[in-house]
C-alpha atoms as a PDB file:
ATOM      1  CA  UNK A   1      13.616 115.555  82.982  1.00  0.00           C
ATOM      2  CA  UNK A   2      15.828 112.557  83.614  1.00  0.00           C
ATOM      3  CA  UNK A   3      18.945 113.158  85.719  1.00  0.00           C
ATOM      4  CA  UNK A   4      21.495 110.531  86.755  1.00  0.00           C
ATOM      5  CA  UNK A   5      22.505 111.427  90.298  1.00  0.00           C
ATOM      6  CA  UNK A   6      24.309 108.139  90.983  1.00  0.00           C
ATOM      7  CA  UNK A   7      27.514 109.595  89.546  1.00  0.00           C
ATOM      8  CA  UNK A   8      30.475 109.920  91.900  1.00  0.00           C
ATOM      9  CA  UNK A   9      31.863 113.435  92.234  1.00  0.00           C
ATOM     10  CA  UNK A  10      35.509 114.326  91.711  1.00  0.00           C
ATOM     11  CA  UNK A  11      37.906 116.901  93.104  1.00  0.00           C
ATOM     12  CA  UNK A  12      39.326 119.677  90.945  1.00  0.00           C
ATOM     13  CA  UNK A  13      42.283 117.403  90.063  1.00  0.00           C
ATOM     14  CA  UNK A  14      39.973 114.594  88.933  1.00  0.00           C
ATOM     15  CA  UNK A  15      40.528 112.402  91.971  1.00  0.00           C
ATOM     16  CA  UNK A  16      37.468 110.982  93.677  1.00  0.00           C
ATOM     17  CA  UNK A  17      35.714 113.148  96.261  1.00  0.00           C
ATOM     18  CA  UNK A  18      35.663 110.904  99.326  1.00  0.00           C
ATOM     19  CA  UNK A  19      33.838 110.928 102.643  1.00  0.00           C
ATOM     20  CA  UNK A  20      34.789 108.234 105.159  1.00  0.00           C
ATOM     21  CA  UNK A  21      36.857 106.571 102.381  1.00  0.00           C
ATOM     22  CA  UNK A  22      33.758 106.220 100.162  1.00  0.00           C
ATOM     23  CA  UNK A  23      32.983 108.125  96.966  1.00  0.00           C
ATOM     24  CA  UNK A  24      30.535 110.959  97.358  1.00  0.00           C
ATOM     25  CA  UNK A  25      27.625 110.597  94.950  1.00  0.00           C
ATOM     26  CA  UNK A  26      25.736 113.464  93.326  1.00  0.00           C
ATOM     27  CA  UNK A  27      22.522 112.265  94.946  1.00  0.00           C
ATOM     28  CA  UNK A  28      24.028 112.514  98.433  1.00  0.00           C
ATOM     29  CA  UNK A  29      24.957 116.140  97.883  1.00  0.00           C
ATOM     30  CA  UNK A  30      21.563 116.954  96.368  1.00  0.00           C
ATOM     31  CA  UNK A  31      19.679 115.318  99.238  1.00  0.00           C
ATOM     32  CA  UNK A  32      21.817 117.108 101.820  1.00  0.00           C
ATOM     33  CA  UNK A  33      21.248 120.427 100.072  1.00  0.00           C
ATOM     34  CA  UNK A  34      17.511 119.844 100.195  1.00  0.00           C
ATOM     35  CA  UNK A  35      17.320 118.897 103.866  1.00  0.00           C
ATOM     36  CA  UNK A  36      19.889 121.393 105.120  1.00  0.00           C
ATOM     37  CA  UNK A  37      18.449 124.501 106.708  1.00  0.00           C
ATOM     38  CA  UNK A  38      19.176 127.967 105.281  1.00  0.00           C
ATOM     39  CA  UNK A  39      18.174 131.257 106.836  1.00  0.00           C
ATOM     40  CA  UNK A  40      15.440 131.647 104.201  1.00  0.00           C
ATOM     41  CA  UNK A  41      13.800 128.379 105.354  1.00  0.00           C
ATOM     42  CA  UNK A  42      12.677 129.705 108.728  1.00  0.00           C
ATOM     43  CA  UNK A  43       8.896 129.810 109.073  1.00  0.00           C
ATOM     44  CA  UNK A  44       8.264 127.639 106.003  1.00  0.00           C
ATOM     45  CA  UNK A  45       7.387 124.158 107.229  1.00  0.00           C
ATOM     46  CA  UNK A  46       5.568 123.225 104.019  1.00  0.00           C
ATOM     47  CA  UNK A  47       8.712 123.921 102.007  1.00  0.00           C
ATOM     48  CA  UNK A  48      10.766 121.752 104.376  1.00  0.00           C
ATOM     49  CA  UNK A  49       8.350 118.832 103.959  1.00  0.00           C
ATOM     50  CA  UNK A  50       8.345 119.184 100.179  1.00  0.00           C
ATOM     51  CA  UNK A  51      12.141 119.307 100.034  1.00  0.00           C
ATOM     52  CA  UNK A  52      12.424 116.338 102.399  1.00  0.00           C
ATOM     53  CA  UNK A  53      10.166 114.231 100.167  1.00  0.00           C
ATOM     54  CA  UNK A  54      12.220 115.137  97.103  1.00  0.00           C
ATOM     55  CA  UNK A  55      15.421 114.211  98.987  1.00  0.00           C
ATOM     56  CA  UNK A  56      13.930 110.810  99.846  1.00  0.00           C
ATOM     57  CA  UNK A  57      12.992 110.274  96.210  1.00  0.00           C
ATOM     58  CA  UNK A  58      16.524 111.167  95.124  1.00  0.00           C
ATOM     59  CA  UNK A  59      18.136 108.821  97.666  1.00  0.00           C
ATOM     60  CA  UNK A  60      15.857 105.905  96.744  1.00  0.00           C
ATOM     61  CA  UNK A  61      16.550 106.167  93.001  1.00  0.00           C
ATOM     62  CA  UNK A  62      18.705 103.413  91.583  1.00  0.00           C
ATOM     63  CA  UNK A  63      19.505 105.162  88.297  1.00  0.00           C
ATOM     64  CA  UNK A  64      18.220 108.183  86.450  1.00  0.00           C
ATOM     65  CA  UNK A  65      15.370 109.986  88.125  1.00  0.00           C
ATOM     66  CA  UNK A  66      12.665 112.338  86.842  1.00  0.00           C
ATOM     67  CA  UNK A  67      13.088 115.789  88.387  1.00  0.00           C
ATOM     68  CA  UNK A  68      11.285 118.828  87.081  1.00  0.00           C
ATOM     69  CA  UNK A  69      13.177 121.948  86.066  1.00  0.00           C
ATOM     70  CA  UNK A  70      11.937 124.001  89.025  1.00  0.00           C
ATOM     71  CA  UNK A  71      13.236 121.425  91.511  1.00  0.00           C
ATOM     72  CA  UNK A  72      16.601 121.287  89.705  1.00  0.00           C
ATOM     73  CA  UNK A  73      16.835 125.047  90.065  1.00  0.00           C
ATOM     74  CA  UNK A  74      16.087 124.848  93.791  1.00  0.00           C
ATOM     75  CA  UNK A  75      18.686 122.134  94.334  1.00  0.00           C
ATOM     76  CA  UNK A  76      21.299 124.017  92.309  1.00  0.00           C
ATOM     77  CA  UNK A  77      20.684 127.237  94.254  1.00  0.00           C
ATOM     78  CA  UNK A  78      20.943 125.471  97.606  1.00  0.00           C
ATOM     79  CA  UNK A  79      24.172 123.714  96.603  1.00  0.00           C
ATOM     80  CA  UNK A  80      25.633 127.033  95.464  1.00  0.00           C
ATOM     81  CA  UNK A  81      24.834 128.498  98.890  1.00  0.00           C
ATOM     82  CA  UNK A  82      25.970 125.624 101.056  1.00  0.00           C
ATOM     83  CA  UNK A  83      28.771 123.698  99.346  1.00  0.00           C
ATOM     84  CA  UNK A  84      32.214 124.283  97.945  1.00  0.00           C
ATOM     85  CA  UNK A  85      32.738 125.700  94.461  1.00  0.00           C
ATOM     86  CA  UNK A  86      34.028 122.364  93.210  1.00  0.00           C
ATOM     87  CA  UNK A  87      30.957 120.505  94.401  1.00  0.00           C
ATOM     88  CA  UNK A  88      28.704 123.175  92.975  1.00  0.00           C
ATOM     89  CA  UNK A  89      30.397 123.072  89.554  1.00  0.00           C
ATOM     90  CA  UNK A  90      30.322 119.255  89.394  1.00  0.00           C
ATOM     91  CA  UNK A  91      26.567 119.187  90.161  1.00  0.00           C
ATOM     92  CA  UNK A  92      25.875 122.059  87.787  1.00  0.00           C
ATOM     93  CA  UNK A  93      27.575 120.150  84.990  1.00  0.00           C
ATOM     94  CA  UNK A  94      25.387 117.111  85.648  1.00  0.00           C
ATOM     95  CA  UNK A  95      22.282 119.291  85.651  1.00  0.00           C
ATOM     96  CA  UNK A  96      23.364 121.157  82.510  1.00  0.00           C
ATOM     97  CA  UNK A  97      23.936 117.858  80.681  1.00  0.00           C
ATOM     98  CA  UNK A  98      20.400 116.740  81.648  1.00  0.00           C
ATOM     99  CA  UNK A  99      18.922 120.075  80.542  1.00  0.00           C
ATOM    100  CA  UNK A 100      20.757 119.876  77.240  1.00  0.00           C
ATOM    101  CA  UNK A 101      19.654 116.295  76.616  1.00  0.00           C
ATOM    102  CA  UNK A 102      16.036 117.161  77.439  1.00  0.00           C
ATOM    103  CA  UNK A 103      16.189 120.139  75.126  1.00  0.00           C
ATOM    104  CA  UNK A 104      17.631 118.046  72.299  1.00  0.00           C
ATOM    105  CA  UNK A 105      14.919 115.407  72.769  1.00  0.00           C
ATOM    106  CA  UNK A 106      12.208 118.083  72.582  1.00  0.00           C
ATOM    107  CA  UNK A 107      13.674 119.408  69.316  1.00  0.00           C
ATOM    108  CA  UNK A 108      13.791 115.965  67.756  1.00  0.00           C
END
């Protein structure tokens, strides 16, 4: 499904989420979630390589990117585990919009 991860994220008050005075994009958070190490990643080098390749694909995208549902679920789970609630909710909303749009297109 197509997901636009070039969107800048916002704080709970709607102000831009900044890092080094630059807006944080959804793709940056997703890529970091994929390459960050969690306890469950130990002893799974194949998974690390797969996630790294997906992170590269996300960072190279200039607009909407095709990501399958399983990969979206993995990214969402990792963001939930490693990022603030605000960041998690902002990303989840982007993913939910993409899921809804894909579902509507299938019904049409």
